[in-house]
Amino acid sequence: MANVTPFTFFHSTHRVRYAPGALNELGSLAEEFGCRQAVVIADEFFIGSEVEARLGDVLGSMDPVFHGVPQHEPDTDTIEAARAFLTESQPDLIIALGGGSAMDAAKVARMCASNPGPIENIVGPVGVKMMPHDSLFVCVPTTAGTGSEVSESAIISKTGSDYKMIFRSSEMTARVAILDPQLSVTAPPGVTASSGYDAVTHAVEAFTSKASGPVTDPIAVSAMERLARWLPVAYAEPGNLEARGECLIGSMQAAIAFNSAHLGLAHAIAGALGALHHVPHGLANALGLPWTMAFNHPQLGEKGDLIAGLYGGGTAAEGLSRLRHTVGLDISLDDYVTGEAALDDVAKGASRSGQVRVNPRESSVQEIRTILEAMRQPTDGGQPDLNL
């Protein structure tokens, strides 16, 4: 038997339910767990929408109450407002509905409701002890990207600053994730592309991470296969329910993989771009991934060949460049960040990310700066030419 590198696998979501129309099962789920009072924390977009009406019908006997969160990456003001709403409502069923921002906001606000005091008390990327909240927590994603419905982490900005706080605990994870592709068919092509490329980045970086292993690798490969085939279809045919479903499953699988294997240099750069210049996260990953994979190429070996084959390139970087071009994300970093000093600051910020430590190739601040310089040029779907 071949030697297996020691590994640890984490996963704390108890149940994942996938089906078109699965949103309608929330009533029976609430009955199964004996829930009496429901709160729905949702993207503001859904307040007053047909989806809110559907949830009202499904959970009618519970008289659910709704709280909308702003449609931007959640900050501490977002969390405090949601915490106050939960404290007042005292629910035993909390449903998070929307994209990653809504789900992350619900995850952290729920923990803040059961852990009194400043939000900073429960910040920590390595599993700070949190008191559990006495509720059934259900996440219902409406985009295929973050995988927040099955991950035990969340990122929240400190209002009025560039500081982003990382929260991580198995207590934060949804007990049940509901994947209903009918909820994602109205997502605009740009949202489909950027959220989908976020999921691709999760899968690719989890697969190539130094912390990857025999449990995470097959899950990451399955995610990459699904997203390689179906993301372009979902982008070109928004109403294609099969494509939407496959992307939801791929996004969920990618998150299960990265929950244990972590990520890599593209996410380190995306984190700095988001914190310093408010570049949307999925787009920031699309800007960086083909270039960081070109940088990682000497260390990828057979894994690089597998990625190249899945995405139709001579190298992993070329394949991911082709996908980026296909879904309309082949753009220049100059559209979001300009100036030597600004790029220097992004490079320094990225170098401090914990994701750098598990990236397959070690990187210096200067090498990251060189990657950022390269990101200023679209690739037209070809091989990223990185002279490092």
Protein backbone atom coordinates (compact mmCIF):
# COMPACT_ATOMS: atom_id res chain seq x y z
CA MET A 1 0.00 0.00 0.00
CA ALA A 2 1.35 3.42 -0.93
CA ASN A 3 2.25 5.81 1.85
CA VAL A 4 -0.50 8.30 2.67
CA THR A 5 0.45 11.69 4.04
CA PRO A 6 -1.21 12.30 7.44
CA PHE A 7 -4.35 14.37 7.07
CA THR A 8 -7.35 15.73 8.97
CA PHE A 9 -10.79 16.05 7.41
CA PHE A 10 -13.46 18.44 8.73
CA HIS A 11 -17.13 18.53 7.83
CA SER A 12 -19.95 19.49 10.16
CA THR A 13 -23.05 19.89 7.98
CA HIS A 14 -25.38 17.03 8.92
CA ARG A 15 -27.57 16.94 5.84
CA VAL A 16 -27.57 18.21 2.25
CA ARG A 17 -30.82 18.02 0.32
CA TYR A 18 -30.78 18.59 -3.43
CA ALA A 19 -33.91 18.70 -5.56
CA PRO A 20 -35.69 21.13 -7.86
CA GLY A 21 -38.39 22.60 -5.64
CA ALA A 22 -36.64 21.54 -2.42
CA LEU A 23 -37.51 24.92 -0.88
CA ASN A 24 -41.03 23.55 -0.46
CA GLU A 25 -39.70 20.90 1.95
CA LEU A 26 -38.86 23.43 4.65
CA GLY A 27 -42.27 23.01 6.26
CA SER A 28 -41.83 19.27 6.76
CA LEU A 29 -38.27 19.86 7.94
CA ALA A 30 -39.48 22.31 10.58
CA GLU A 31 -42.08 19.77 11.67
CA GLU A 32 -39.45 17.02 11.86
CA PHE A 33 -37.37 19.08 14.30
CA GLY A 34 -40.33 20.45 16.24
CA CYS A 35 -39.67 24.09 15.36
CA ARG A 36 -42.23 26.74 16.32
CA GLN A 37 -40.77 30.14 15.36
CA ALA A 38 -38.88 30.83 12.12
CA VAL A 39 -36.69 33.74 11.12
CA VAL A 40 -35.49 34.13 7.54
CA ILE A 41 -32.31 36.17 7.01
CA ALA A 42 -32.17 36.96 3.31
CA ASP A 43 -30.59 39.21 0.74
CA GLU A 44 -32.66 42.40 0.60
CA PHE A 45 -33.41 41.49 -3.02
CA PHE A 46 -35.79 38.77 -1.79
CA ILE A 47 -37.78 40.91 0.62
CA GLY A 48 -41.20 41.40 -0.94
CA SER A 49 -40.40 38.91 -3.71
CA GLU A 50 -42.13 35.77 -4.94
CA VAL A 51 -39.60 33.70 -2.99
CA GLU A 52 -40.60 35.43 0.26
CA ALA A 53 -44.24 34.66 -0.53
CA ARG A 54 -43.35 31.00 -1.18
CA LEU A 55 -41.55 30.76 2.14
CA GLY A 56 -44.51 32.36 3.86
CA ASP A 57 -46.77 29.67 2.40
CA VAL A 58 -44.39 26.81 3.19
CA LEU A 59 -43.88 27.97 6.79
CA GLY A 60 -47.33 29.51 7.18
CA SER A 61 -48.21 27.87 10.50
CA MET A 62 -45.02 29.29 12.02
CA ASP A 63 -45.74 32.89 10.93
CA PRO A 64 -42.11 33.42 9.77
CA VAL A 65 -40.51 36.84 10.08
CA PHE A 66 -38.00 38.18 7.57
CA HIS A 67 -34.85 40.26 7.95
CA GLY A 68 -33.09 41.65 4.88
CA VAL A 69 -29.34 42.17 4.74
CA PRO A 70 -27.71 44.71 2.39
CA GLN A 71 -26.44 43.38 -0.91
CA HIS A 72 -22.77 43.97 -0.23
CA GLU A 73 -20.15 41.97 1.60
CA PRO A 74 -21.35 41.87 5.22
CA ASP A 75 -19.81 44.20 7.77
CA THR A 76 -20.13 44.55 11.53
CA ASP A 77 -23.12 46.89 11.19
CA THR A 78 -24.87 44.18 9.15
CA ILE A 79 -24.13 41.63 11.86
CA GLU A 80 -25.29 43.82 14.74
CA ALA A 81 -28.60 44.55 13.01
CA ALA A 82 -29.18 40.84 12.37
CA ARG A 83 -28.12 39.93 15.92
CA ALA A 84 -30.63 42.41 17.36
CA PHE A 85 -33.37 40.97 15.15
CA LEU A 86 -32.60 37.41 16.26
CA THR A 87 -32.42 38.40 19.93
CA GLU A 88 -35.84 40.04 19.68
CA SER A 89 -37.44 37.22 17.68
CA GLN A 90 -36.06 34.27 19.69
CA PRO A 91 -36.40 31.76 16.82
CA ASP A 92 -35.83 28.02 17.01
CA LEU A 93 -35.49 27.86 13.20
CA ILE A 94 -33.12 30.22 11.36
CA ILE A 95 -33.06 30.10 7.57
CA ALA A 96 -30.38 31.89 5.57
CA LEU A 97 -31.46 32.58 1.99
CA GLY A 98 -29.33 34.15 -0.72
CA GLY A 99 -25.72 34.35 -1.81
CA GLY A 100 -22.60 34.01 0.28
CA SER A 101 -23.00 37.41 1.91
CA ALA A 102 -26.46 36.62 3.30
CA MET A 103 -25.39 33.18 4.50
CA ASP A 104 -22.18 34.49 6.11
CA ALA A 105 -24.15 37.26 7.82
CA ALA A 106 -26.65 34.76 9.19
CA LYS A 107 -23.90 32.40 10.36
CA VAL A 108 -22.08 35.08 12.34
CA ALA A 109 -25.20 36.87 13.64
CA ARG A 110 -26.56 33.58 14.95
CA MET A 111 -23.33 32.97 16.85
CA CYS A 112 -23.30 36.52 18.18
CA ALA A 113 -26.84 35.99 19.49
CA SER A 114 -25.63 33.14 21.69
CA ASN A 115 -22.23 34.67 22.54
CA PRO A 116 -22.89 38.07 24.16
CA GLY A 117 -20.31 40.80 23.95
CA PRO A 118 -18.28 42.41 21.17
CA ILE A 119 -18.16 40.58 17.86
CA GLU A 120 -14.37 40.50 18.14
CA ASN A 121 -14.67 38.03 21.04
CA ILE A 122 -15.40 35.18 18.65
CA VAL A 123 -13.04 36.12 15.83
CA GLY A 124 -10.47 33.51 14.91
CA PRO A 125 -9.54 31.38 11.91
CA VAL A 126 -8.60 28.28 13.92
CA GLY A 127 -11.80 27.35 15.71
CA VAL A 128 -12.45 29.77 18.57
CA LYS A 129 -14.84 28.18 21.06
CA MET A 130 -18.38 29.44 20.53
CA MET A 131 -21.49 28.71 22.57
CA PRO A 132 -24.03 26.98 20.31
CA HIS A 133 -27.33 28.65 19.47
CA ASP A 134 -30.46 26.71 20.36
CA SER A 135 -31.94 26.65 16.87
CA LEU A 136 -32.09 24.59 13.72
CA PHE A 137 -29.97 26.42 11.16
CA VAL A 138 -30.73 25.91 7.47
CA CYS A 139 -28.87 27.51 4.55
CA VAL A 140 -30.48 27.91 1.14
CA PRO A 141 -28.05 29.25 -1.50
CA THR A 142 -29.47 31.12 -4.49
CA THR A 143 -26.14 31.36 -6.34
CA ALA A 144 -23.57 28.66 -7.09
CA GLY A 145 -20.30 30.04 -5.82
CA THR A 146 -19.29 30.51 -2.20
CA GLY A 147 -20.41 27.17 -0.80
CA SER A 148 -21.14 28.99 2.45
CA GLU A 149 -24.04 26.61 3.05
CA VAL A 150 -21.59 23.83 4.00
CA SER A 151 -18.47 25.67 5.19
CA GLU A 152 -17.71 26.44 8.82
CA SER A 153 -16.16 29.85 8.17
CA ALA A 154 -17.27 33.38 7.34
CA ILE A 155 -15.56 36.69 6.58
CA ILE A 156 -16.97 39.95 7.92
CA SER A 157 -15.58 43.46 7.35
CA LYS A 158 -15.19 45.87 10.24
CA THR A 159 -17.41 48.81 9.33
CA GLY A 160 -15.43 51.88 8.30
CA SER A 161 -12.13 50.07 7.86
CA ASP A 162 -10.30 47.70 5.51
CA TYR A 163 -10.02 45.06 8.24
CA LYS A 164 -11.70 41.73 7.51
CA MET A 165 -12.42 39.38 10.39
CA ILE A 166 -12.34 35.62 9.92
CA PHE A 167 -14.76 33.49 11.92
CA ARG A 168 -14.47 29.72 12.02
CA SER A 169 -16.25 27.13 14.13
CA SER A 170 -18.21 23.93 13.59
CA GLU A 171 -20.96 25.62 15.62
CA MET A 172 -21.47 28.09 12.76
CA THR A 173 -22.24 25.48 10.13
CA ALA A 174 -25.77 24.91 8.91
CA ARG A 175 -27.25 21.64 10.13
CA VAL A 176 -29.11 21.34 6.82
CA ALA A 177 -28.26 22.76 3.39
CA ILE A 178 -31.08 22.98 0.84
CA LEU A 179 -29.96 23.06 -2.80
CA ASP A 180 -32.85 24.09 -5.04
CA PRO A 181 -31.75 24.96 -8.60
CA GLN A 182 -35.06 26.69 -9.29
CA LEU A 183 -33.86 29.54 -7.05
CA SER A 184 -30.81 30.30 -9.20
CA VAL A 185 -32.33 30.50 -12.70
CA THR A 186 -32.99 34.24 -12.36
CA ALA A 187 -29.36 35.08 -11.55
CA PRO A 188 -27.96 37.44 -14.23
CA PRO A 189 -25.13 36.09 -16.44
CA GLY A 190 -22.54 38.28 -14.72
CA VAL A 191 -23.48 36.93 -11.30
CA THR A 192 -23.51 33.38 -12.65
CA ALA A 193 -20.03 33.89 -14.08
CA SER A 194 -18.36 35.51 -11.07
CA SER A 195 -19.95 33.26 -8.47
CA GLY A 196 -19.27 30.19 -10.62
CA TYR A 197 -15.63 31.13 -11.09
CA ASP A 198 -15.39 31.54 -7.32
CA ALA A 199 -16.50 27.92 -7.00
CA VAL A 200 -13.98 26.86 -9.66
CA THR A 201 -11.23 28.60 -7.69
CA HIS A 202 -12.33 26.82 -4.50
CA ALA A 203 -12.16 23.45 -6.21
CA VAL A 204 -8.86 24.03 -8.01
CA GLU A 205 -7.08 25.49 -4.99
CA ALA A 206 -8.41 22.83 -2.61
CA PHE A 207 -7.15 20.16 -5.04
CA THR A 208 -3.68 21.66 -5.36
CA SER A 209 -3.26 22.80 -1.75
CA LYS A 210 -0.48 21.38 0.38
CA ALA A 211 -3.22 20.41 2.83
CA SER A 212 -5.18 18.36 0.29
CA GLY A 213 -5.60 14.66 0.90
CA PRO A 214 -7.34 11.40 -0.04
CA VAL A 215 -10.74 12.58 1.22
CA THR A 216 -10.75 16.09 -0.24
CA ASP A 217 -9.17 15.26 -3.61
CA PRO A 218 -12.01 13.14 -5.05
CA ILE A 219 -14.56 15.73 -3.90
CA ALA A 220 -12.57 18.56 -5.48
CA VAL A 221 -12.18 16.62 -8.74
CA SER A 222 -15.92 15.98 -8.92
CA ALA A 223 -16.54 19.69 -8.35
CA MET A 224 -14.06 20.65 -11.09
CA GLU A 225 -15.67 18.21 -13.53
CA ARG A 226 -19.15 19.58 -12.92
CA LEU A 227 -18.12 23.21 -13.13
CA ALA A 228 -15.97 22.73 -16.23
CA ARG A 229 -18.91 21.22 -18.11
CA TRP A 230 -21.87 23.14 -16.75
CA LEU A 231 -20.76 26.66 -15.81
CA PRO A 232 -20.51 27.77 -19.46
CA VAL A 233 -23.98 26.31 -20.06
CA ALA A 234 -25.50 28.10 -17.05
CA TYR A 235 -23.86 31.33 -18.24
CA ALA A 236 -25.16 31.00 -21.82
CA GLU A 237 -28.55 29.49 -20.93
CA PRO A 238 -29.72 31.04 -17.64
CA GLY A 239 -32.94 29.01 -17.58
CA ASN A 240 -31.21 25.64 -17.96
CA LEU A 241 -32.25 23.88 -14.74
CA GLU A 242 -29.85 20.96 -15.21
CA ALA A 243 -26.87 23.31 -15.57
CA ARG A 244 -27.98 25.34 -12.55
CA GLY A 245 -28.28 22.19 -10.48
CA GLU A 246 -24.91 20.81 -11.47
CA CYS A 247 -23.25 24.13 -10.64
CA LEU A 248 -24.93 24.19 -7.22
CA ILE A 249 -23.66 20.69 -6.49
CA GLY A 250 -20.17 21.57 -7.75
CA SER A 251 -20.07 24.69 -5.60
CA MET A 252 -21.14 22.69 -2.54
CA GLN A 253 -18.53 19.99 -3.20
CA ALA A 254 -15.80 22.59 -3.64
CA ALA A 255 -16.64 24.09 -0.26
CA ILE A 256 -16.56 20.71 1.47
CA ALA A 257 -13.10 20.21 -0.02
CA PHE A 258 -11.68 23.60 0.91
CA ASN A 259 -13.17 23.44 4.41
CA SER A 260 -10.38 20.95 5.16
CA ALA A 261 -7.80 21.51 2.41
CA HIS A 262 -7.92 25.32 2.51
CA LEU A 263 -7.15 27.41 -0.58
CA GLY A 264 -4.14 29.14 -2.14
CA LEU A 265 -2.50 32.18 -3.68
CA ALA A 266 -5.46 33.31 -5.82
CA HIS A 267 -7.57 33.61 -2.68
CA ALA A 268 -4.78 35.42 -0.86
CA ILE A 269 -4.69 38.00 -3.65
CA ALA A 270 -8.51 38.15 -3.83
CA GLY A 271 -8.69 38.81 -0.10
CA ALA A 272 -6.32 41.75 -0.37
CA LEU A 273 -8.13 43.12 -3.44
CA GLY A 274 -11.42 42.94 -1.58
CA ALA A 275 -10.13 44.49 1.63
CA LEU A 276 -8.16 47.32 0.01
CA HIS A 277 -10.18 48.05 -3.13
CA HIS A 278 -13.57 46.36 -2.61
CA VAL A 279 -13.17 44.15 -5.67
CA PRO A 280 -16.04 41.59 -5.61
CA HIS A 281 -14.67 38.29 -4.40
CA GLY A 282 -15.59 36.02 -7.32
CA LEU A 283 -14.30 38.53 -9.82
CA ALA A 284 -11.07 38.96 -7.86
CA ASN A 285 -10.51 35.20 -8.04
CA ALA A 286 -11.13 35.25 -11.79
CA LEU A 287 -8.60 38.04 -12.20
CA GLY A 288 -5.97 36.01 -10.38
CA LEU A 289 -6.46 32.27 -10.83
CA PRO A 290 -5.03 31.74 -14.35
CA TRP A 291 -1.93 33.72 -13.33
CA THR A 292 -1.42 32.05 -9.95
CA MET A 293 -1.77 28.64 -11.58
CA ALA A 294 0.85 29.66 -14.15
CA PHE A 295 3.08 30.54 -11.18
CA ASN A 296 2.29 27.21 -9.49
CA HIS A 297 2.86 25.16 -12.66
CA PRO A 298 6.32 23.77 -11.72
CA GLN A 299 4.85 22.20 -8.57
CA LEU A 300 1.58 20.82 -9.94
CA GLY A 301 2.73 17.59 -11.60
CA GLU A 302 -0.07 15.11 -12.38
CA LYS A 303 -2.63 17.31 -10.68
CA GLY A 304 -1.84 20.07 -13.14
CA ASP A 305 -2.28 17.65 -16.04
CA LEU A 306 -5.66 16.59 -14.69
CA ILE A 307 -6.85 20.20 -14.39
CA ALA A 308 -5.57 20.99 -17.89
CA GLY A 309 -7.53 18.05 -19.29
CA LEU A 310 -10.75 19.04 -17.54
CA TYR A 311 -10.60 22.64 -18.72
CA GLY A 312 -9.28 22.01 -22.21
CA GLY A 313 -5.85 23.60 -22.03
CA GLY A 314 -2.27 22.57 -22.58
CA THR A 315 -1.68 23.53 -18.94
CA ALA A 316 -3.96 24.10 -15.96
CA ALA A 317 -3.40 27.84 -16.32
CA GLU A 318 -4.38 27.83 -19.99
CA GLY A 319 -7.52 25.79 -19.33
CA LEU A 320 -8.63 28.14 -16.58
CA SER A 321 -7.82 31.10 -18.82
CA ARG A 322 -10.10 29.62 -21.49
CA LEU A 323 -12.95 29.20 -19.04
CA ARG A 324 -12.53 32.75 -17.77
CA HIS A 325 -12.73 34.05 -21.34
CA THR A 326 -15.80 31.91 -22.11
CA VAL A 327 -17.79 33.39 -19.20
CA GLY A 328 -16.87 37.00 -19.90
CA LEU A 329 -14.40 37.56 -17.07
CA ASP A 330 -11.22 38.06 -19.10
CA ILE A 331 -10.61 41.64 -17.98
CA SER A 332 -7.77 43.79 -16.70
CA LEU A 333 -6.92 44.49 -13.08
CA ASP A 334 -6.55 48.12 -14.20
CA ASP A 335 -10.35 48.36 -14.17
CA TYR A 336 -10.22 48.11 -10.36
CA VAL A 337 -6.72 49.00 -9.13
CA THR A 338 -4.26 51.51 -10.55
CA GLY A 339 -0.93 52.88 -9.43
CA GLU A 340 2.34 51.31 -8.35
CA ALA A 341 1.79 52.06 -4.66
CA ALA A 342 -1.65 50.47 -4.68
CA LEU A 343 -0.33 47.29 -6.29
CA ASP A 344 2.56 47.21 -3.81
CA ASP A 345 0.05 47.33 -0.94
CA VAL A 346 -2.02 44.51 -2.42
CA ALA A 347 1.09 42.35 -2.76
CA LYS A 348 2.04 42.98 0.86
CA GLY A 349 -1.49 42.25 2.04
CA ALA A 350 -1.70 39.02 0.06
CA SER A 351 1.64 37.82 1.41
CA ARG A 352 0.21 37.95 4.96
CA SER A 353 -2.69 35.63 4.17
CA GLY A 354 -2.68 32.19 5.74
CA GLN A 355 -3.64 30.76 2.33
CA VAL A 356 -0.11 31.46 1.09
CA ARG A 357 1.26 28.80 3.43
CA VAL A 358 -0.68 25.99 1.75
CA ASN A 359 -0.17 27.19 -1.82
CA PRO A 360 1.81 24.53 -3.73
CA ARG A 361 4.65 26.95 -4.48
CA GLU A 362 6.16 29.39 -2.01
CA SER A 363 5.90 33.03 -3.02
CA SER A 364 7.69 36.21 -2.04
CA VAL A 365 6.13 39.66 -1.92
CA GLN A 366 8.03 40.54 -5.09
CA GLU A 367 6.74 37.44 -6.91
CA ILE A 368 3.17 38.31 -5.90
CA ARG A 369 3.80 41.83 -7.15
CA THR A 370 4.93 40.39 -10.50
CA ILE A 371 1.73 38.33 -10.69
CA LEU A 372 -0.32 41.46 -10.02
CA GLU A 373 1.49 43.26 -12.82
CA ALA A 374 0.64 40.39 -15.16
CA MET A 375 -3.01 40.53 -14.09
CA ARG A 376 -3.25 43.92 -15.79
CA GLN A 377 -3.35 42.14 -19.17
CA PRO A 378 -6.30 40.01 -20.40
CA THR A 379 -5.22 36.64 -21.74
CA ASP A 380 -7.81 36.28 -24.54
CA GLY A 381 -8.27 32.72 -23.32
CA GLY A 382 -4.67 31.73 -24.02
CA GLN A 383 -1.72 30.60 -21.94
CA PRO A 384 -0.87 33.23 -19.29
CA ASP A 385 2.70 34.31 -19.96
CA LEU A 386 4.28 34.73 -16.55
CA ASN A 387 8.06 35.14 -16.49
CA LEU A 388 8.78 33.72 -13.07
